Amino acid sequence: MVRLSTGVILVGIVLLFVPVPPVATILGILVVLLGLALRFLRGS
């Protein structure tokens, strides 16, 4: 099963390629950072 943090990071990466530059890029970066934070906070 895919971990939540990995799923969040993947969603963020997908958002980086959505063709609505300002909104999708900012959301993509924030979602990737959230996924990385989840990964570090859970100690894995």
N, C-alpha and C. Protein backbone atom coordinates (compact mmCIF):
# COMPACT_ATOMS: atom_id res chain seq x y z
N MET A 1 0.84 -1.19 0.00
CA MET A 1 0.00 0.00 0.00
C MET A 1 0.88 1.25 0.00
N VAL A 2 0.48 2.22 -0.76
CA VAL A 2 1.24 3.48 -0.87
C VAL A 2 1.00 4.30 0.39
N ARG A 3 2.09 4.81 0.95
CA ARG A 3 1.96 5.65 2.14
C ARG A 3 1.32 6.97 1.80
N LEU A 4 0.68 7.57 2.79
CA LEU A 4 0.00 8.85 2.59
C LEU A 4 0.96 9.91 2.10
N SER A 5 2.16 9.98 2.70
CA SER A 5 3.11 11.02 2.31
C SER A 5 3.54 10.85 0.85
N THR A 6 3.73 9.61 0.42
CA THR A 6 4.11 9.36 -0.97
C THR A 6 2.99 9.79 -1.92
N GLY A 7 1.76 9.49 -1.55
CA GLY A 7 0.62 9.89 -2.36
C GLY A 7 0.50 11.40 -2.47
N VAL A 8 0.72 12.08 -1.35
CA VAL A 8 0.63 13.54 -1.36
C VAL A 8 1.72 14.14 -2.24
N ILE A 9 2.93 13.59 -2.17
CA ILE A 9 4.03 14.07 -3.01
C ILE A 9 3.70 13.86 -4.48
N LEU A 10 3.15 12.70 -4.81
CA LEU A 10 2.80 12.42 -6.21
C LEU A 10 1.72 13.36 -6.71
N VAL A 11 0.73 13.66 -5.88
CA VAL A 11 -0.32 14.61 -6.28
C VAL A 11 0.28 15.98 -6.54
N GLY A 12 1.23 16.38 -5.69
CA GLY A 12 1.89 17.67 -5.88
C GLY A 12 2.66 17.73 -7.17
N ILE A 13 3.33 16.64 -7.52
CA ILE A 13 4.09 16.60 -8.77
C ILE A 13 3.15 16.70 -9.97
N VAL A 14 2.02 16.01 -9.88
CA VAL A 14 1.03 16.09 -10.97
C VAL A 14 0.51 17.52 -11.10
N LEU A 15 0.26 18.19 -9.96
CA LEU A 15 -0.24 19.57 -10.02
C LEU A 15 0.77 20.52 -10.67
N LEU A 16 2.05 20.20 -10.58
CA LEU A 16 3.06 21.07 -11.20
C LEU A 16 2.92 21.09 -12.73
N PHE A 17 2.33 20.04 -13.31
CA PHE A 17 2.21 19.96 -14.76
C PHE A 17 0.82 20.33 -15.28
N VAL A 18 -0.09 20.71 -14.38
CA VAL A 18 -1.42 21.13 -14.81
C VAL A 18 -1.28 22.50 -15.49
N PRO A 19 -1.91 22.69 -16.65
CA PRO A 19 -1.69 23.92 -17.43
C PRO A 19 -2.42 25.16 -16.92
N VAL A 20 -2.48 25.37 -15.63
CA VAL A 20 -3.00 26.61 -15.06
C VAL A 20 -1.86 27.16 -14.21
N PRO A 21 -0.90 27.82 -14.85
CA PRO A 21 0.38 28.10 -14.21
C PRO A 21 0.36 28.68 -12.80
N PRO A 22 -0.26 29.84 -12.54
CA PRO A 22 -0.04 30.40 -11.20
C PRO A 22 -0.61 29.55 -10.08
N VAL A 23 -1.87 29.13 -10.23
CA VAL A 23 -2.54 28.41 -9.15
C VAL A 23 -1.96 27.00 -8.99
N ALA A 24 -1.86 26.27 -10.08
CA ALA A 24 -1.41 24.88 -10.00
C ALA A 24 0.04 24.78 -9.55
N THR A 25 0.88 25.69 -9.98
CA THR A 25 2.29 25.64 -9.58
C THR A 25 2.44 25.88 -8.09
N ILE A 26 1.74 26.89 -7.58
CA ILE A 26 1.82 27.18 -6.15
C ILE A 26 1.25 26.02 -5.34
N LEU A 27 0.08 25.51 -5.75
CA LEU A 27 -0.51 24.37 -5.04
C LEU A 27 0.39 23.14 -5.12
N GLY A 28 0.98 22.92 -6.28
CA GLY A 28 1.87 21.76 -6.44
C GLY A 28 3.05 21.83 -5.50
N ILE A 29 3.68 22.99 -5.40
CA ILE A 29 4.83 23.14 -4.51
C ILE A 29 4.40 22.95 -3.06
N LEU A 30 3.27 23.55 -2.68
CA LEU A 30 2.79 23.41 -1.30
C LEU A 30 2.45 21.96 -0.96
N VAL A 31 1.84 21.25 -1.90
CA VAL A 31 1.46 19.86 -1.65
C VAL A 31 2.70 18.98 -1.54
N VAL A 32 3.71 19.22 -2.39
CA VAL A 32 4.96 18.45 -2.29
C VAL A 32 5.62 18.71 -0.94
N LEU A 33 5.67 19.97 -0.51
CA LEU A 33 6.26 20.29 0.79
C LEU A 33 5.47 19.64 1.93
N LEU A 34 4.15 19.61 1.81
CA LEU A 34 3.33 18.96 2.82
C LEU A 34 3.63 17.46 2.89
N GLY A 35 3.78 16.84 1.72
CA GLY A 35 4.12 15.41 1.69
C GLY A 35 5.47 15.14 2.31
N LEU A 36 6.45 16.00 2.03
CA LEU A 36 7.78 15.83 2.63
C LEU A 36 7.71 16.03 4.15
N ALA A 37 6.92 17.00 4.59
CA ALA A 37 6.77 17.24 6.03
C ALA A 37 6.13 16.03 6.70
N LEU A 38 5.10 15.46 6.07
CA LEU A 38 4.47 14.26 6.63
C LEU A 38 5.47 13.12 6.74
N ARG A 39 6.30 12.98 5.73
CA ARG A 39 7.27 11.90 5.72
C ARG A 39 8.28 12.07 6.87
N PHE A 40 8.76 13.29 7.08
CA PHE A 40 9.74 13.53 8.14
C PHE A 40 9.09 13.46 9.51
N LEU A 41 7.87 13.96 9.65
CA LEU A 41 7.20 13.95 10.96
C LEU A 41 6.85 12.53 11.41
N ARG A 42 6.58 11.65 10.47
CA ARG A 42 6.26 10.28 10.82
C ARG A 42 7.51 9.43 11.01
N GLY A 43 8.65 10.01 10.78
CA GLY A 43 9.91 9.32 11.05
C GLY A 43 10.25 8.20 10.10
N SER A 44 9.83 8.31 8.85
CA SER A 44 10.16 7.25 7.90
C SER A 44 10.94 7.77 6.81
